[in-house]
């Protein structure tokens, strides 16, 4: 390969996942979904795709809760408490997502690299893909008449 030319390899499915895997595991109690978006996105009030809402069973920890005002990460104790109090434990597989995979990747880093959770994947298609597919099962907090 020539200098300055880069060819991406195959995705590492131990740390990334796709729509099929997400949908196939929705009813698996050993898989949890961490929605890293703002609460209004999670609840379906703020629409950034054809449909609003969340992956069924997903729990919301906005990515920005893991950082201090100066942009540095919280210490390990408060980070662990943040995610564990939301229901995320190291004994489960956790799939992170957001709108486009960026905030989800941040959350993947926090859980996987800072807290050492052994099985964390980022759904890089995130809500941009999921919310635009008519065949995606969706859970809403906001009743349809208020959306």
N, C-alpha and C. Protein backbone atom coordinates (compact mmCIF):
# COMPACT_ATOMS: atom_id res chain seq x y z
N UNK A 1 0.85 -1.17 0.00
CA UNK A 1 0.00 0.00 0.00
C UNK A 1 0.89 1.24 0.00
N UNK A 2 0.50 2.25 -0.73
CA UNK A 2 1.26 3.48 -0.84
C UNK A 2 1.17 4.31 0.43
N UNK A 3 2.22 5.09 0.73
CA UNK A 3 2.15 6.00 1.88
C UNK A 3 0.96 6.95 1.74
N UNK A 4 0.27 7.17 2.83
CA UNK A 4 -0.87 8.09 2.81
C UNK A 4 -2.17 7.45 2.37
N UNK A 5 -2.12 6.16 2.00
CA UNK A 5 -3.32 5.45 1.58
C UNK A 5 -3.72 4.52 2.71
N UNK A 6 -4.97 4.57 3.07
CA UNK A 6 -5.46 3.75 4.17
C UNK A 6 -6.66 2.93 3.70
N UNK A 7 -6.67 1.68 4.03
CA UNK A 7 -7.80 0.82 3.73
C UNK A 7 -8.33 0.26 5.05
N UNK A 8 -9.58 0.50 5.33
CA UNK A 8 -10.18 0.01 6.56
C UNK A 8 -10.34 -1.50 6.51
N UNK A 9 -10.14 -2.12 7.64
CA UNK A 9 -10.34 -3.56 7.75
C UNK A 9 -11.80 -3.86 8.04
N UNK A 10 -12.09 -5.11 8.26
CA UNK A 10 -13.44 -5.53 8.62
C UNK A 10 -13.79 -5.00 10.01
N UNK A 11 -15.06 -4.70 10.24
CA UNK A 11 -15.46 -4.22 11.57
C UNK A 11 -15.16 -5.28 12.64
N UNK A 12 -14.77 -4.83 13.80
CA UNK A 12 -14.54 -5.72 14.93
C UNK A 12 -15.87 -5.86 15.66
N UNK A 13 -16.57 -6.95 15.43
CA UNK A 13 -17.90 -7.12 15.99
C UNK A 13 -17.89 -7.43 17.49
N UNK A 14 -16.70 -7.46 18.09
CA UNK A 14 -16.65 -7.54 19.55
C UNK A 14 -16.91 -6.17 20.16
N UNK A 15 -16.69 -5.08 19.37
CA UNK A 15 -16.89 -3.73 19.90
C UNK A 15 -17.89 -2.91 19.11
N UNK A 16 -18.31 -3.40 17.97
CA UNK A 16 -19.30 -2.69 17.14
C UNK A 16 -20.38 -3.67 16.76
N UNK A 17 -21.55 -3.15 16.46
CA UNK A 17 -22.63 -4.04 16.05
C UNK A 17 -23.54 -3.36 15.05
N UNK A 18 -24.46 -4.12 14.50
CA UNK A 18 -25.34 -3.62 13.46
C UNK A 18 -26.81 -3.78 13.85
N UNK A 19 -27.69 -3.31 12.98
CA UNK A 19 -29.13 -3.32 13.22
C UNK A 19 -29.65 -4.73 13.52
N UNK A 20 -29.22 -5.71 12.71
CA UNK A 20 -29.71 -7.08 12.90
C UNK A 20 -29.39 -7.61 14.29
N UNK A 21 -28.16 -7.38 14.74
CA UNK A 21 -27.77 -7.86 16.08
C UNK A 21 -28.59 -7.15 17.15
N UNK A 22 -28.79 -5.85 17.00
CA UNK A 22 -29.58 -5.09 17.96
C UNK A 22 -30.98 -5.66 18.07
N UNK A 23 -31.65 -5.83 16.95
CA UNK A 23 -33.03 -6.33 16.94
C UNK A 23 -33.10 -7.78 17.43
N UNK A 24 -32.14 -8.59 17.04
CA UNK A 24 -32.13 -9.99 17.46
C UNK A 24 -31.97 -10.16 18.97
N UNK A 25 -31.42 -9.17 19.65
CA UNK A 25 -31.13 -9.30 21.08
C UNK A 25 -32.03 -8.46 21.98
N UNK A 26 -33.06 -7.83 21.43
CA UNK A 26 -33.94 -6.97 22.23
C UNK A 26 -34.57 -7.73 23.40
N UNK A 27 -34.96 -8.97 23.18
CA UNK A 27 -35.63 -9.75 24.23
C UNK A 27 -34.67 -10.58 25.07
N UNK A 28 -33.38 -10.42 24.86
CA UNK A 28 -32.38 -11.18 25.61
C UNK A 28 -32.08 -10.43 26.92
N UNK A 29 -32.41 -11.01 28.07
CA UNK A 29 -32.19 -10.31 29.34
C UNK A 29 -30.72 -10.10 29.69
N UNK A 30 -29.81 -10.77 28.98
CA UNK A 30 -28.39 -10.55 29.25
C UNK A 30 -27.81 -9.41 28.43
N UNK A 31 -28.64 -8.77 27.59
CA UNK A 31 -28.21 -7.63 26.77
C UNK A 31 -28.97 -6.39 27.20
N UNK A 32 -28.22 -5.33 27.48
CA UNK A 32 -28.81 -4.04 27.87
C UNK A 32 -28.45 -3.00 26.82
N UNK A 33 -29.30 -1.99 26.69
CA UNK A 33 -29.09 -0.92 25.72
C UNK A 33 -28.93 0.39 26.45
N UNK A 34 -27.81 1.08 26.19
CA UNK A 34 -27.53 2.38 26.80
C UNK A 34 -27.70 3.46 25.74
N UNK A 35 -28.77 4.23 25.89
CA UNK A 35 -29.06 5.34 24.99
C UNK A 35 -28.33 6.57 25.52
N UNK A 36 -27.36 7.06 24.77
CA UNK A 36 -26.51 8.16 25.21
C UNK A 36 -27.03 9.53 24.77
N UNK A 37 -28.24 9.57 24.20
CA UNK A 37 -28.80 10.83 23.70
C UNK A 37 -29.38 11.68 24.82
N UNK A 38 -29.79 12.89 24.45
CA UNK A 38 -30.48 13.78 25.40
C UNK A 38 -31.82 13.16 25.76
N UNK A 39 -32.33 13.44 26.96
CA UNK A 39 -33.61 12.87 27.38
C UNK A 39 -34.76 13.12 26.40
N UNK A 40 -34.84 14.30 25.80
CA UNK A 40 -35.92 14.57 24.85
C UNK A 40 -35.83 13.68 23.60
N UNK A 41 -34.63 13.32 23.18
CA UNK A 41 -34.47 12.39 22.07
C UNK A 41 -34.93 11.00 22.50
N UNK A 42 -34.48 10.57 23.66
CA UNK A 42 -34.81 9.26 24.22
C UNK A 42 -36.31 9.09 24.39
N UNK A 43 -36.98 10.13 24.85
CA UNK A 43 -38.42 10.06 25.12
C UNK A 43 -39.26 10.20 23.85
N UNK A 44 -38.65 10.58 22.74
CA UNK A 44 -39.39 10.73 21.50
C UNK A 44 -39.97 12.11 21.29
N UNK A 45 -39.60 13.07 22.13
CA UNK A 45 -40.08 14.45 21.99
C UNK A 45 -39.33 15.20 20.90
N UNK A 46 -38.03 14.95 20.81
CA UNK A 46 -37.18 15.60 19.81
C UNK A 46 -36.90 14.60 18.69
N UNK A 47 -37.42 14.87 17.51
CA UNK A 47 -37.27 13.96 16.39
C UNK A 47 -36.10 14.36 15.51
N UNK A 48 -35.15 13.44 15.36
CA UNK A 48 -34.02 13.66 14.46
C UNK A 48 -33.97 12.58 13.38
N UNK A 49 -34.98 11.72 13.37
CA UNK A 49 -35.15 10.68 12.35
C UNK A 49 -36.64 10.62 12.01
N UNK A 50 -37.01 9.73 11.13
CA UNK A 50 -38.42 9.63 10.73
C UNK A 50 -39.32 9.33 11.92
N UNK A 51 -38.81 8.54 12.87
CA UNK A 51 -39.58 8.20 14.06
C UNK A 51 -38.74 8.49 15.29
N UNK A 52 -39.42 8.85 16.37
CA UNK A 52 -38.74 9.10 17.63
C UNK A 52 -38.94 7.95 18.58
N UNK A 53 -38.29 8.02 19.70
CA UNK A 53 -38.41 6.99 20.72
C UNK A 53 -37.06 6.36 20.99
N UNK A 54 -37.11 5.09 21.38
CA UNK A 54 -35.88 4.39 21.75
C UNK A 54 -36.00 2.91 21.44
N UNK A 55 -34.89 2.23 21.48
CA UNK A 55 -34.89 0.78 21.36
C UNK A 55 -35.62 0.23 22.59
N UNK A 56 -36.55 -0.72 22.41
CA UNK A 56 -37.29 -1.24 23.55
C UNK A 56 -36.37 -1.72 24.67
N UNK A 57 -36.67 -1.23 25.88
CA UNK A 57 -35.90 -1.60 27.06
C UNK A 57 -34.66 -0.75 27.30
N UNK A 58 -34.32 0.12 26.37
CA UNK A 58 -33.12 0.95 26.54
C UNK A 58 -33.25 1.87 27.75
N UNK A 59 -32.12 2.09 28.40
CA UNK A 59 -32.05 3.01 29.53
C UNK A 59 -31.20 4.20 29.12
N UNK A 60 -31.54 5.35 29.60
CA UNK A 60 -30.90 6.59 29.17
C UNK A 60 -29.90 7.11 30.19
N UNK A 61 -28.64 7.19 29.76
CA UNK A 61 -27.60 7.92 30.49
C UNK A 61 -26.96 8.82 29.45
N UNK A 62 -27.31 10.09 29.47
CA UNK A 62 -26.75 11.02 28.50
C UNK A 62 -25.23 11.05 28.64
N UNK A 63 -24.55 10.98 27.52
CA UNK A 63 -23.08 10.89 27.50
C UNK A 63 -22.43 11.97 28.35
N UNK A 64 -23.01 13.19 28.33
CA UNK A 64 -22.39 14.33 29.01
C UNK A 64 -22.40 14.19 30.53
N UNK A 65 -23.19 13.27 31.07
CA UNK A 65 -23.19 13.06 32.52
C UNK A 65 -21.89 12.44 33.01
N UNK A 66 -21.11 11.88 32.09
CA UNK A 66 -19.86 11.21 32.47
C UNK A 66 -18.66 12.15 32.52
N UNK A 67 -18.88 13.42 32.22
CA UNK A 67 -17.78 14.38 32.23
C UNK A 67 -18.09 15.55 33.16
N UNK A 68 -17.01 16.16 33.65
CA UNK A 68 -17.13 17.34 34.49
C UNK A 68 -17.35 18.57 33.61
N UNK A 69 -17.58 19.68 34.24
CA UNK A 69 -17.81 20.93 33.51
C UNK A 69 -16.63 21.31 32.62
N UNK A 70 -15.41 20.94 33.03
CA UNK A 70 -14.23 21.27 32.24
C UNK A 70 -13.96 20.28 31.11
N UNK A 71 -14.85 19.27 30.96
CA UNK A 71 -14.72 18.31 29.87
C UNK A 71 -13.93 17.07 30.21
N UNK A 72 -13.33 17.00 31.38
CA UNK A 72 -12.60 15.79 31.78
C UNK A 72 -13.58 14.77 32.36
N UNK A 73 -13.18 13.53 32.33
CA UNK A 73 -14.04 12.46 32.84
C UNK A 73 -14.20 12.54 34.35
N UNK A 74 -15.35 12.09 34.84
CA UNK A 74 -15.54 11.91 36.27
C UNK A 74 -14.55 10.86 36.76
N UNK A 75 -14.29 10.84 38.05
CA UNK A 75 -13.44 9.81 38.64
C UNK A 75 -14.17 8.46 38.56
N UNK A 76 -13.42 7.38 38.74
CA UNK A 76 -13.96 6.03 38.58
C UNK A 76 -15.16 5.76 39.49
N UNK A 77 -15.11 6.16 40.74
CA UNK A 77 -16.22 5.91 41.66
C UNK A 77 -17.53 6.53 41.20
N UNK A 78 -17.55 7.85 40.94
CA UNK A 78 -18.77 8.46 40.44
C UNK A 78 -19.22 7.93 39.07
N UNK A 79 -18.26 7.57 38.21
CA UNK A 79 -18.63 6.98 36.91
C UNK A 79 -19.34 5.65 37.11
N UNK A 80 -18.77 4.80 37.95
CA UNK A 80 -19.37 3.50 38.22
C UNK A 80 -20.76 3.67 38.81
N UNK A 81 -20.91 4.59 39.74
CA UNK A 81 -22.21 4.84 40.36
C UNK A 81 -23.23 5.32 39.33
N UNK A 82 -22.81 6.20 38.44
CA UNK A 82 -23.70 6.73 37.40
C UNK A 82 -24.32 5.61 36.58
N UNK A 83 -23.49 4.71 36.08
CA UNK A 83 -23.99 3.65 35.21
C UNK A 83 -24.66 2.52 35.99
N UNK A 84 -24.12 2.17 37.15
CA UNK A 84 -24.74 1.11 37.93
C UNK A 84 -26.10 1.53 38.47
N UNK A 85 -26.24 2.80 38.85
CA UNK A 85 -27.54 3.26 39.36
C UNK A 85 -28.60 3.29 38.25
N UNK A 86 -28.15 3.35 37.00
CA UNK A 86 -29.08 3.30 35.87
C UNK A 86 -29.41 1.85 35.48
N UNK A 87 -28.69 0.88 36.08
CA UNK A 87 -28.97 -0.52 35.80
C UNK A 87 -27.92 -1.24 34.97
N UNK A 88 -26.83 -0.57 34.64
CA UNK A 88 -25.79 -1.18 33.82
C UNK A 88 -24.74 -1.83 34.72
N UNK A 89 -24.59 -3.15 34.57
CA UNK A 89 -23.64 -3.89 35.39
C UNK A 89 -22.69 -4.67 34.48
N UNK A 90 -21.48 -4.92 34.98
CA UNK A 90 -20.47 -5.58 34.14
C UNK A 90 -20.81 -7.00 33.72
N UNK A 91 -21.78 -7.64 34.36
CA UNK A 91 -22.12 -9.02 34.01
C UNK A 91 -23.04 -9.12 32.79
N UNK A 92 -23.45 -8.00 32.24
CA UNK A 92 -24.33 -7.97 31.07
C UNK A 92 -23.56 -7.48 29.84
N UNK A 93 -24.07 -7.84 28.67
CA UNK A 93 -23.57 -7.22 27.45
C UNK A 93 -24.30 -5.89 27.32
N UNK A 94 -23.57 -4.85 26.98
CA UNK A 94 -24.19 -3.52 26.84
C UNK A 94 -23.94 -3.02 25.43
N UNK A 95 -25.02 -2.58 24.80
CA UNK A 95 -24.93 -1.98 23.47
C UNK A 95 -25.24 -0.49 23.64
N UNK A 96 -24.27 0.34 23.25
CA UNK A 96 -24.44 1.79 23.34
C UNK A 96 -24.89 2.33 21.99
N UNK A 97 -25.66 3.40 22.04
CA UNK A 97 -26.09 4.06 20.80
C UNK A 97 -26.50 5.49 21.11
N UNK A 98 -26.65 6.28 20.05
CA UNK A 98 -27.11 7.66 20.17
C UNK A 98 -27.85 7.99 18.87
N UNK A 99 -27.56 9.12 18.26
CA UNK A 99 -28.17 9.46 16.97
C UNK A 99 -27.32 8.95 15.81
N UNK A 100 -26.01 9.20 15.88
CA UNK A 100 -25.13 8.81 14.77
C UNK A 100 -23.96 7.93 15.19
N UNK A 101 -23.91 7.51 16.43
CA UNK A 101 -22.85 6.63 16.90
C UNK A 101 -21.72 7.33 17.62
N UNK A 102 -21.67 8.65 17.57
CA UNK A 102 -20.56 9.39 18.17
C UNK A 102 -20.68 9.42 19.69
N UNK A 103 -21.82 9.85 20.21
CA UNK A 103 -22.02 9.87 21.66
C UNK A 103 -22.03 8.44 22.21
N UNK A 104 -22.55 7.52 21.40
CA UNK A 104 -22.52 6.11 21.79
C UNK A 104 -21.09 5.59 21.89
N UNK A 105 -20.21 6.04 21.00
CA UNK A 105 -18.80 5.63 21.05
C UNK A 105 -18.14 6.19 22.30
N UNK A 106 -18.50 7.41 22.68
CA UNK A 106 -17.99 8.00 23.91
C UNK A 106 -18.39 7.13 25.11
N UNK A 107 -19.66 6.73 25.13
CA UNK A 107 -20.16 5.89 26.21
C UNK A 107 -19.51 4.51 26.17
N UNK A 108 -19.28 3.97 24.97
CA UNK A 108 -18.55 2.71 24.83
C UNK A 108 -17.18 2.84 25.51
N UNK A 109 -16.48 3.94 25.25
CA UNK A 109 -15.15 4.16 25.83
C UNK A 109 -15.22 4.20 27.35
N UNK A 110 -16.20 4.92 27.88
CA UNK A 110 -16.34 5.02 29.34
C UNK A 110 -16.56 3.64 29.95
N UNK A 111 -17.54 2.90 29.41
CA UNK A 111 -17.86 1.60 29.98
C UNK A 111 -16.75 0.58 29.78
N UNK A 112 -16.22 0.52 28.57
CA UNK A 112 -15.24 -0.50 28.22
C UNK A 112 -13.84 -0.18 28.75
N UNK A 113 -13.38 1.02 28.47
CA UNK A 113 -11.98 1.35 28.76
C UNK A 113 -11.76 1.97 30.14
N UNK A 114 -12.69 2.80 30.60
CA UNK A 114 -12.50 3.43 31.91
C UNK A 114 -13.04 2.57 33.05
N UNK A 115 -14.19 1.92 32.84
CA UNK A 115 -14.78 1.11 33.90
C UNK A 115 -14.48 -0.39 33.74
N UNK A 116 -13.95 -0.79 32.61
CA UNK A 116 -13.53 -2.18 32.42
C UNK A 116 -14.65 -3.18 32.22
N UNK A 117 -15.82 -2.73 31.78
CA UNK A 117 -16.90 -3.68 31.49
C UNK A 117 -16.43 -4.58 30.35
N UNK A 118 -16.58 -5.89 30.49
CA UNK A 118 -15.97 -6.81 29.52
C UNK A 118 -16.70 -6.97 28.18
N UNK A 119 -17.99 -6.64 28.12
CA UNK A 119 -18.74 -6.88 26.89
C UNK A 119 -19.59 -5.66 26.54
N UNK A 120 -18.97 -4.73 25.80
CA UNK A 120 -19.65 -3.50 25.40
C UNK A 120 -19.47 -3.34 23.89
N UNK A 121 -20.57 -3.02 23.22
CA UNK A 121 -20.54 -2.80 21.77
C UNK A 121 -21.21 -1.47 21.47
N UNK A 122 -20.74 -0.80 20.44
CA UNK A 122 -21.37 0.44 19.98
C UNK A 122 -22.14 0.14 18.69
N UNK A 123 -23.40 0.52 18.69
CA UNK A 123 -24.22 0.40 17.47
C UNK A 123 -23.99 1.67 16.68
N UNK A 124 -23.09 1.60 15.70
CA UNK A 124 -22.69 2.82 14.99
C UNK A 124 -23.75 3.34 14.04
N UNK A 125 -24.70 2.53 13.61
CA UNK A 125 -25.82 3.04 12.81
C UNK A 125 -26.75 3.89 13.65
N UNK A 126 -26.82 3.56 14.92
CA UNK A 126 -27.58 4.28 15.94
C UNK A 126 -28.96 4.69 15.47
N UNK A 127 -29.50 5.76 16.08
CA UNK A 127 -30.88 6.14 15.79
C UNK A 127 -31.07 6.66 14.37
N UNK A 128 -30.02 7.16 13.74
CA UNK A 128 -30.14 7.61 12.35
C UNK A 128 -30.58 6.45 11.46
N UNK A 129 -30.09 5.27 11.73
CA UNK A 129 -30.52 4.08 10.99
C UNK A 129 -31.80 3.52 11.62
N UNK A 130 -31.77 3.27 12.90
CA UNK A 130 -32.86 2.58 13.59
C UNK A 130 -34.18 3.33 13.47
N UNK A 131 -34.16 4.63 13.73
CA UNK A 131 -35.39 5.42 13.69
C UNK A 131 -35.92 5.67 12.29
N UNK A 132 -35.10 5.44 11.28
CA UNK A 132 -35.54 5.62 9.89
C UNK A 132 -36.01 4.31 9.25
N UNK A 133 -35.92 3.22 9.96
CA UNK A 133 -36.38 1.93 9.44
C UNK A 133 -37.78 1.66 9.97
N UNK A 134 -38.72 1.43 9.07
CA UNK A 134 -40.11 1.15 9.46
C UNK A 134 -40.24 -0.17 10.20
N UNK A 135 -39.27 -1.07 10.03
CA UNK A 135 -39.35 -2.38 10.68
C UNK A 135 -38.64 -2.43 12.03
N UNK A 136 -38.16 -1.30 12.53
CA UNK A 136 -37.52 -1.26 13.84
C UNK A 136 -38.57 -1.19 14.94
N UNK A 137 -38.52 -2.12 15.90
CA UNK A 137 -39.43 -1.99 17.04
C UNK A 137 -39.01 -0.79 17.88
N UNK A 138 -39.98 0.03 18.26
CA UNK A 138 -39.69 1.27 18.98
C UNK A 138 -40.55 1.36 20.23
N UNK A 139 -39.95 1.88 21.28
CA UNK A 139 -40.65 2.16 22.53
C UNK A 139 -40.69 3.67 22.70
N UNK A 140 -41.85 4.17 23.14
CA UNK A 140 -42.03 5.60 23.36
C UNK A 140 -42.36 5.86 24.81
N UNK A 141 -41.95 6.99 25.31
CA UNK A 141 -42.42 7.44 26.60
C UNK A 141 -43.54 8.46 26.39
N UNK A 142 -43.45 9.21 25.31
CA UNK A 142 -44.43 10.24 25.00
C UNK A 142 -45.57 9.59 24.20
N UNK A 143 -46.82 9.72 24.65
CA UNK A 143 -47.93 9.15 23.87
C UNK A 143 -47.98 9.71 22.46
N UNK A 144 -48.41 8.91 21.47
CA UNK A 144 -48.42 9.35 20.08
C UNK A 144 -49.14 10.69 19.86
N UNK A 145 -50.22 10.94 20.59
CA UNK A 145 -50.95 12.19 20.38
C UNK A 145 -50.17 13.42 20.82
N UNK A 146 -49.12 13.26 21.62
CA UNK A 146 -48.30 14.39 22.06
C UNK A 146 -47.02 14.54 21.27
N UNK A 147 -46.75 13.63 20.35
CA UNK A 147 -45.51 13.71 19.56
C UNK A 147 -45.69 14.66 18.42
